[in-house]
Amino acid sequence: MRPADRARRTAHLELDAGAVAGEVLQGRVTLRRPSLNSVSDAKPERQRLLSLIGDHLLAAGVDGASLSGIARAVGSNNRMLLYYFGSREEMIIAAGVDLVSRFPRISALNERLSPEGSLAERLDAAWDQIAHPDNVPYIRLFFEFIGMAARKPDNAGILQAVVGGLPESVQEAFELDGHSPAQSVRLATQVVAMWRGFQVNLLAGVPREELRIMQAAAVRSLLADQPVERATGPS
């Protein structure tokens, strides 16, 4: 049995730290129960690997990142990564979600969209957080995820995991402002699409302050062109 096949077979046996662990040696499976220490250490070790994988993806990118290449970069091996994450795709999804939590200016957008000030002001504040210099590495990686999903439909789950709940958060901001759910979906889609375009410009070197002015003008133009459609309930 080839080493790669042995690693995959072992990984399927070791679905989680509480399951019976397996080790394939010379075509034979030797089963053993994990010790209590291995169970308690599994979660911290998985998180440690997630942090290292995220750091590697931020530095080297996602395109062409193989399981073995990531394993070498984080000082691990294919067998252990499959043990903790199941597959390369699931590992990248987990790392992407973890990266979102490590960029507080991204994960705290809901606070900027809370009902304090006018809707335009709240959207401005959200954009300021998205475009902050601290977030540029994440934005760059995000567009790599978009490229992966565009080339391989099977990678759509990776993109969805990294996009997170941004469109839904913007939709909720519109609903709090009195727009109907249907109109809120349309307007949130337009705003997020606009932000994506400005993010590309940001990566291309357009000055942040210029984008800030353009974003504010675009938001106000959108709101002026879209009178509030109130939600209608049963009569």
Foldseek 3Di string as FASTA:
>chain_A
DDPVVQLLVQLVQLQDLQGWGWHADPNDIDTDRDDPVSRVCLVVVLVLLLVQLLVCCLVPNDVPCDLQNSQVSSVHGNSVLCNNQVDPLSSLLSSLLVVCVVLCLNVVLLVLLPPDDDNLNSLLSNLCSCLDPVCLSVLVNLVSLVVVCVVPVVSVSSNDSNVPCQLVSQLVSLVVVFAASVVSSVVSVVLVVLSNVLSVVVVVPDDPVVSSVVSSVVVVVVPVVDDGDGHDDDD
